[in-house]
Protein backbone atom coordinates (compact mmCIF):
# COMPACT_ATOMS: atom_id res chain seq x y z
CA MET A 1 33.21 98.57 27.96
CA ILE A 2 34.75 95.31 29.21
CA ASP A 3 32.41 93.08 31.19
CA GLN A 4 33.85 91.98 34.52
CA PRO A 5 33.66 88.24 35.21
CA ASP A 6 31.06 87.15 37.66
CA GLU A 7 32.92 85.92 40.73
CA THR A 8 29.80 85.11 42.77
CA ALA A 9 28.86 81.90 40.99
CA PRO A 10 32.37 80.27 41.25
CA ALA A 11 32.51 81.18 44.92
CA ASP A 12 29.16 79.54 45.54
CA GLU A 13 30.25 76.47 43.63
CA ASP A 14 33.50 76.24 45.65
CA GLU A 15 31.60 76.45 48.93
CA ALA A 16 29.18 73.78 47.81
CA LEU A 17 32.08 71.56 46.70
CA VAL A 18 33.84 71.97 50.05
CA ALA A 19 30.65 71.10 51.92
CA TRP A 20 30.12 68.02 49.74
CA GLU A 21 33.73 66.80 50.26
CA ALA A 22 33.37 67.28 53.99
CA MET A 23 30.17 65.27 54.07
CA VAL A 24 31.61 62.47 51.91
CA ALA A 25 34.82 62.24 53.95
CA GLY A 26 32.77 61.73 57.13
CA SER A 27 33.96 64.96 58.67
CA GLU A 28 32.53 65.92 62.06
CA LYS A 29 31.60 69.36 60.74
CA THR A 30 27.85 70.05 60.89
CA LEU A 31 26.39 71.52 57.73
CA SER A 32 24.49 74.74 58.07
CA GLN A 33 21.04 75.27 56.58
CA THR A 34 22.53 77.50 53.91
CA GLU A 35 24.98 74.77 52.83
CA ILE A 36 22.20 72.19 52.75
CA ASP A 37 20.05 74.51 50.62
CA ARG A 38 22.91 75.02 48.20
CA LEU A 39 23.52 71.27 47.90
CA LEU A 40 19.84 70.63 47.21
CA ASP A 41 19.53 73.70 44.96
CA VAL A 42 16.83 75.18 47.17
CA ASP A 43 16.40 78.94 47.53
CA ASP A 44 14.32 81.18 49.78
CA SER A 45 11.59 81.48 47.17
CA LYS A 46 10.05 78.26 48.56
CA SER A 47 8.70 80.15 51.55
CA VAL A 48 7.22 82.70 49.17
CA ARG A 49 5.53 79.93 47.22
CA THR A 50 4.24 78.45 50.49
CA ARG A 51 2.72 81.76 51.49
CA SER A 52 1.15 82.16 48.07
CA VAL A 53 -0.48 78.72 48.37
CA ILE A 54 -1.88 79.64 51.78
CA ASP A 55 -3.20 82.90 50.35
CA GLN A 56 -4.84 80.99 47.54
CA ILE A 57 -6.52 78.67 50.04
CA VAL A 58 -7.75 81.55 52.19
CA ASN A 59 -8.88 83.64 49.24
CA SER A 60 -10.16 80.70 47.24
CA SER A 61 -13.14 81.37 45.04
CA PHE A 62 -14.61 77.96 45.83
CA VAL A 63 -17.53 77.86 48.25
CA ASN A 64 -19.38 74.71 49.23
CA TYR A 65 -22.37 74.61 46.91
CA ASP A 66 -23.79 71.31 48.17
CA ARG A 67 -25.18 72.96 51.29
CA LEU A 68 -28.03 74.45 49.21
CA PRO A 69 -29.34 71.41 47.31
CA MET A 70 -32.78 72.89 46.61
CA LEU A 71 -31.21 75.39 44.19
CA ASP A 72 -30.77 72.52 41.71
CA VAL A 73 -34.53 72.06 41.74
CA VAL A 74 -35.16 75.78 41.32
CA PHE A 75 -32.77 76.07 38.36
CA ASP A 76 -34.20 72.95 36.74
CA ARG A 77 -37.67 74.46 37.05
CA LEU A 78 -36.33 77.72 35.59
CA VAL A 79 -34.96 75.86 32.55
CA ARG A 80 -38.36 74.35 31.81
CA LEU A 81 -40.04 77.74 32.15
CA LEU A 82 -37.47 79.47 29.93
CA ASN A 83 -37.93 76.90 27.18
CA THR A 84 -41.64 77.72 27.03
CA SER A 85 -41.20 81.50 27.37
CA PHE A 86 -38.46 81.77 24.71
CA ARG A 87 -40.46 79.57 22.38
CA ASN A 88 -43.45 81.91 22.73
CA LEU A 89 -41.20 84.95 22.33
CA THR A 90 -39.38 83.87 19.18
CA SER A 91 -41.95 81.48 17.63
CA GLY A 92 -39.15 79.07 16.85
CA THR A 93 -37.19 76.12 18.15
CA VAL A 94 -35.53 76.94 21.46
CA GLU A 95 -33.42 74.79 23.76
CA VAL A 96 -32.25 76.09 27.14
CA THR A 97 -29.76 74.05 29.16
CA VAL A 98 -27.81 74.60 32.35
CA GLN A 99 -24.18 75.01 31.36
CA GLN A 100 -22.59 75.59 34.76
CA ILE A 101 -23.57 76.12 38.38
CA ALA A 102 -20.75 77.18 40.66
CA SER A 103 -19.94 79.17 43.78
CA VAL A 104 -17.68 82.14 43.08
CA ARG A 105 -16.51 85.35 44.64
CA PHE A 106 -18.30 88.44 43.41
CA GLY A 107 -15.10 90.12 42.26
CA ASP A 108 -14.06 87.08 40.22
CA TYR A 109 -17.47 87.00 38.55
CA LEU A 110 -17.28 90.67 37.52
CA SER A 111 -13.78 90.28 36.11
CA GLY A 112 -14.90 87.27 34.05
CA ILE A 113 -17.90 88.88 32.33
CA PRO A 114 -17.33 88.89 28.54
CA LEU A 115 -17.62 92.33 27.01
CA PRO A 116 -19.72 93.72 25.51
CA SER A 117 -22.66 92.44 27.57
CA LEU A 118 -25.74 93.81 29.25
CA ILE A 119 -25.73 93.50 33.03
CA ALA A 120 -29.10 93.93 34.71
CA VAL A 121 -29.09 94.93 38.39
CA VAL A 122 -32.10 93.08 39.78
CA ARG A 123 -33.82 93.69 43.08
CA ALA A 124 -35.56 90.87 44.97
CA GLU A 125 -38.44 92.79 46.51
CA GLU A 126 -39.48 90.43 49.31
CA TRP A 127 -35.87 89.56 50.22
CA ASP A 128 -34.77 93.22 50.17
CA ASN A 129 -31.53 92.48 48.32
CA HIS A 130 -30.02 92.37 44.83
CA CYS A 131 -28.71 89.95 42.21
CA LEU A 132 -27.27 90.24 38.70
CA LEU A 133 -28.51 88.96 35.35
CA THR A 134 -26.02 89.08 32.46
CA VAL A 135 -26.92 88.61 28.77
CA ASP A 136 -24.01 88.25 26.35
CA SER A 137 -23.81 89.86 22.92
CA GLU A 138 -24.38 86.64 20.97
CA LEU A 139 -27.80 86.12 22.52
CA ILE A 140 -28.74 89.80 22.16
CA TYR A 141 -27.90 89.89 18.45
CA SER A 142 -29.66 86.56 17.89
CA ILE A 143 -32.84 87.80 19.58
CA VAL A 144 -32.73 91.04 17.61
CA ASP A 145 -32.31 89.22 14.27
CA ILE A 146 -35.12 86.78 15.01
CA LEU A 147 -37.61 89.33 16.34
CA LEU A 148 -36.92 91.76 13.47
CA GLY A 149 -37.25 89.08 10.77
CA GLY A 150 -33.57 88.55 9.98
CA ARG A 151 -32.04 85.39 8.58
CA ARG A 152 -31.90 82.59 11.08
CA SER A 153 -29.01 80.64 9.60
CA ASP A 154 -25.94 82.82 10.08
CA PRO A 155 -25.05 84.18 13.54
CA ALA A 156 -24.58 87.93 13.78
CA PRO A 157 -20.95 89.08 14.06
CA ILE A 158 -19.69 90.52 17.34
CA ASP A 159 -18.13 93.90 16.53
CA GLY A 160 -17.92 95.38 20.04
CA ARG A 161 -19.92 98.49 19.21
CA PRO A 162 -22.35 100.05 21.70
CA TYR A 163 -25.89 98.74 21.65
CA THR A 164 -28.51 100.74 19.82
CA VAL A 165 -31.79 101.86 21.37
CA ILE A 166 -33.70 99.09 19.59
CA GLU A 167 -31.23 96.41 20.69
CA ARG A 168 -31.40 97.56 24.31
CA ALA A 169 -35.21 97.63 24.22
CA LEU A 170 -35.42 94.08 22.88
CA ALA A 171 -32.75 92.89 25.33
CA GLU A 172 -34.68 94.43 28.24
CA ARG A 173 -37.76 92.58 27.04
CA LEU A 174 -35.74 89.38 27.21
CA ILE A 175 -34.52 90.28 30.71
CA ARG A 176 -38.07 90.87 31.96
CA THR A 177 -39.08 87.46 30.60
CA VAL A 178 -36.24 85.75 32.45
CA LEU A 179 -37.00 87.59 35.70
CA LYS A 180 -40.67 86.64 35.52
CA ASP A 181 -39.79 82.97 35.11
CA LEU A 182 -37.21 83.24 37.89
CA GLY A 183 -39.89 84.45 40.31
CA THR A 184 -42.13 81.58 39.23
CA ALA A 185 -39.30 79.09 39.79
CA PHE A 186 -38.87 80.29 43.37
CA SER A 187 -42.62 80.46 44.07
CA PRO A 188 -42.92 76.95 45.62
CA LEU A 189 -40.32 78.00 48.18
CA SER A 190 -41.10 81.67 48.69
CA ALA A 191 -43.20 84.32 47.02
CA VAL A 192 -40.68 86.75 45.54
CA GLY A 193 -40.72 89.25 42.70
CA PHE A 194 -37.63 90.28 40.73
CA ALA A 195 -37.57 93.80 39.33
CA CYS A 196 -34.90 95.22 37.02
CA GLU A 197 -33.58 98.46 38.53
CA ARG A 198 -31.10 99.38 35.79
CA VAL A 199 -29.09 97.91 32.94
CA GLU A 200 -25.33 98.51 32.76
CA THR A 201 -22.69 97.77 30.14
CA THR A 202 -19.68 98.31 32.44
CA PRO A 203 -19.11 95.75 35.21
CA GLN A 204 -17.74 98.38 37.63
CA PHE A 205 -21.14 100.09 37.66
CA ALA A 206 -22.98 96.86 38.58
CA VAL A 207 -21.44 96.33 42.03
CA ILE A 208 -24.04 95.05 44.51
CA THR A 209 -21.85 93.51 47.23
CA ARG A 210 -18.22 93.25 48.38
CA SER A 211 -15.75 91.71 45.97
CA ASN A 212 -14.85 88.80 48.28
CA ASN A 213 -18.43 87.83 49.18
CA ALA A 214 -19.60 84.38 48.13
CA CYS A 215 -22.24 84.08 45.42
CA ILE A 216 -24.03 81.42 43.39
CA SER A 217 -23.42 81.68 39.64
CA ALA A 218 -25.68 79.85 37.18
CA ARG A 219 -24.96 79.96 33.45
CA PHE A 220 -27.68 78.94 30.96
CA GLN A 221 -27.01 78.17 27.29
CA VAL A 222 -29.79 79.26 24.91
CA ALA A 223 -29.91 77.75 21.40
CA LEU A 224 -32.14 79.57 18.87
CA ASP A 225 -32.34 77.94 15.42
CA GLY A 226 -28.62 77.32 15.03
CA ARG A 227 -27.53 80.39 16.95
CA GLY A 228 -27.86 81.64 20.50
CA GLY A 229 -25.86 82.72 23.51
CA CYS A 230 -25.72 82.61 27.26
CA VAL A 231 -27.61 84.09 30.19
CA SER A 232 -25.81 84.24 33.54
CA LEU A 233 -27.49 84.65 36.91
CA LEU A 234 -25.52 85.69 40.00
CA ILE A 235 -27.20 85.50 43.41
CA PRO A 236 -25.18 86.44 46.52
CA TYR A 237 -25.56 84.17 49.51
CA ALA A 238 -26.78 87.17 51.50
CA THR A 239 -29.72 87.49 49.10
CA LEU A 240 -30.70 83.85 49.71
CA GLU A 241 -30.42 84.15 53.50
CA PRO A 242 -34.20 84.67 54.10
CA ILE A 243 -34.94 81.27 52.53
CA ARG A 244 -31.73 79.48 53.47
CA ASP A 245 -33.57 76.96 55.67
CA LEU A 246 -35.85 76.08 52.76
CA LEU A 247 -32.92 75.69 50.37
CA LEU A 248 -31.28 73.23 52.76
CA GLN A 249 -34.17 70.78 52.31
CA MET A 250 -33.97 67.77 50.04
CA PHE A 251 -36.27 67.39 47.03
CA MET A 252 -39.10 64.94 47.72
CA GLY A 253 -41.34 63.97 44.79
CA GLU A 254 -43.03 67.01 43.30
CA LYS A 255 -43.40 68.79 46.63
CA PHE A 256 -41.15 71.23 48.42
CA GLY A 257 -40.53 70.88 52.13
CA ARG A 258 -42.66 68.62 54.34
CA ASP A 259 -45.26 66.18 53.07
CA SER A 260 -48.65 67.57 54.10
CA MET A 261 -50.53 64.37 53.15
CA TRP A 262 -48.39 62.22 55.43
CA GLU A 263 -48.67 64.78 58.23
CA THR A 264 -52.50 64.79 57.94
CA HIS A 265 -52.59 60.99 58.02
CA LEU A 266 -50.34 60.95 61.09
CA LYS A 267 -52.57 63.45 62.88
CA ASN A 268 -55.65 61.36 62.19
CA GLU A 269 -53.96 58.25 63.57
CA LEU A 270 -52.73 60.12 66.64
CA ARG A 271 -56.28 61.19 67.43
CA ARG A 272 -57.10 57.52 68.01
CA THR A 273 -54.30 57.13 70.52
CA SER A 274 -55.22 56.57 74.17
CA VAL A 275 -53.84 59.20 76.54
CA ASP A 276 -54.02 59.59 80.31
CA LEU A 277 -55.94 62.49 81.82
CA SER A 278 -55.23 63.77 85.31
CA ALA A 279 -57.84 65.60 87.41
CA VAL A 280 -56.27 68.28 89.56
CA LEU A 281 -58.60 68.99 92.49
CA GLY A 282 -56.40 71.51 94.20
CA GLN A 283 -52.86 72.83 94.45
CA ALA A 284 -50.82 74.21 97.31
CA GLN A 285 -47.29 75.57 97.59
CA VAL A 286 -45.21 74.63 100.63
CA SER A 287 -41.59 75.10 101.51
CA LEU A 288 -39.12 72.25 101.47
CA THR A 289 -38.61 72.60 105.23
CA ASP A 290 -42.31 72.02 105.92
CA LEU A 291 -42.37 69.13 103.46
CA LEU A 292 -39.51 67.37 105.25
CA ALA A 293 -41.31 67.87 108.58
CA TRP A 294 -44.43 66.03 107.44
CA LYS A 295 -45.41 62.94 109.46
CA GLU A 296 -48.16 60.39 109.33
CA GLY A 297 -51.40 62.20 110.04
CA THR A 298 -50.20 65.64 108.90
CA GLN A 299 -53.04 67.56 107.26
CA LEU A 300 -52.59 69.75 104.14
CA VAL A 301 -55.10 72.54 103.97
CA LEU A 302 -56.24 73.42 100.43
CA ASP A 303 -57.92 76.73 99.76
CA MET A 304 -60.77 75.10 97.83
CA ARG A 305 -64.52 75.50 98.04
CA PRO A 306 -66.94 72.57 97.62
CA ASP A 307 -68.21 73.97 94.33
CA ALA A 308 -64.72 74.59 92.92
CA GLN A 309 -63.98 73.21 89.44
CA ALA A 310 -61.38 70.55 88.73
CA LEU A 311 -58.73 70.91 86.03
CA LEU A 312 -58.14 68.07 83.56
CA THR A 313 -54.57 67.90 82.19
CA CYS A 314 -52.81 65.70 79.64
CA GLY A 315 -49.24 65.58 80.81
CA HIS A 316 -48.51 69.20 81.65
CA VAL A 317 -51.00 70.65 79.16
CA PRO A 318 -54.34 71.88 80.62
CA MET A 319 -57.22 70.53 78.56
CA PHE A 320 -60.62 71.04 80.26
CA VAL A 321 -62.24 72.34 83.44
CA GLY A 322 -65.36 70.82 84.95
CA GLU A 323 -67.43 70.14 88.03
CA MET A 324 -66.73 67.04 90.08
CA GLY A 325 -69.51 64.63 91.08
CA GLN A 326 -70.70 61.02 90.98
CA ARG A 327 -72.24 58.86 88.26
CA ASN A 328 -73.31 55.25 88.70
CA GLY A 329 -71.28 55.00 91.87
CA ASN A 330 -68.08 56.30 90.23
CA VAL A 331 -66.32 59.64 90.59
CA ALA A 332 -67.05 61.73 87.47
CA ILE A 333 -66.26 65.18 86.13
CA ARG A 334 -68.67 67.09 83.95
CA ILE A 335 -66.73 69.22 81.43
CA ASP A 336 -67.85 72.82 81.57
CA ALA A 337 -65.16 74.51 79.43
CA ASP A 338 -62.72 73.49 76.71
CA LEU A 339 -59.31 75.15 77.00
CA GLY A 340 -58.51 74.43 73.31
CA ALA A 341 -55.16 72.70 73.78
CA GLN A 342 -55.77 69.71 71.49
CA ASP A 343 -53.49 71.02 68.75
CA GLU A 344 -50.74 71.62 71.28
CA VAL A 345 -50.92 68.02 72.47
CA ILE A 346 -50.80 66.68 68.89
CA HIS A 347 -47.86 68.96 68.08
CA GLY A 348 -46.01 67.63 71.11
CA LEU A 349 -46.62 64.05 69.98
CA LEU A 350 -45.38 64.83 66.47
CA GLN A 351 -42.13 66.27 67.84
CA ARG A 352 -41.44 63.03 69.66
């Protein structure tokens, strides 16, 4: 078979050459967009690349993590707790560090889980939602070797075989330890308990939310006497929604949220503040037409008896009621009942 010569390329080159000669000669001919694209060696794939960039921006896996700064404090507290718990579990030298904290899409996290691994589907009881805890094979084999008295110098090889019953039991013990410390780390913010519902080895069976939903991913590196592995925690933003306002707070000293000592001191100082009390002897409701018709000498009739009690107010807050009289030549009110609005007045002052 004789190959026919390709006549398309020479034709394109001739058209481009003609367009170039016309432009150089100062011809009045206006170049079309196609001729300009051929001169610049630009094809229609640029629009495709533009659309792909837009799609990448819209479907980006990056979510602003800085809007939940208190999570850094929670994870730092979790690291300290895990160091103590793993040390008590293995009776050896343990070092837990935060390797990465990032915001990812749930589908991207599932596709990036190294296999084989154990994926625990965890339920946050008080928040009524789920999260994932992943333990990789290196950490599982290291825990099994250490707890069963194996050598602590050489890491166990990763052969990709299914986990045995003993390995799963020891790994679930490790998972329960991590979940207990995770609940303790969140305890200053909110009382929550994490319970392991099931343990999966296939990521497709551990779906707890939509693939494009935003989640917080925290990866912890565990070093156990020259070996170790990683533990990954994935918390969807929907799971953290009940305590989102608390997670937006900034870390202050060793306390979470507001400073109770400063608030108590401020309340004590406010109690020494002088405030104005108004005695309301009577009230009447009139129309605006009657009010505009008032003249000098107009009398306002109040439906009040001589023994009626006066109302003491601070601003618009009713405070006390009492009987009006005289004392040492001055008008006085004897308080007969406390309306219990002192806390409301102090709260209003604090808001200002």
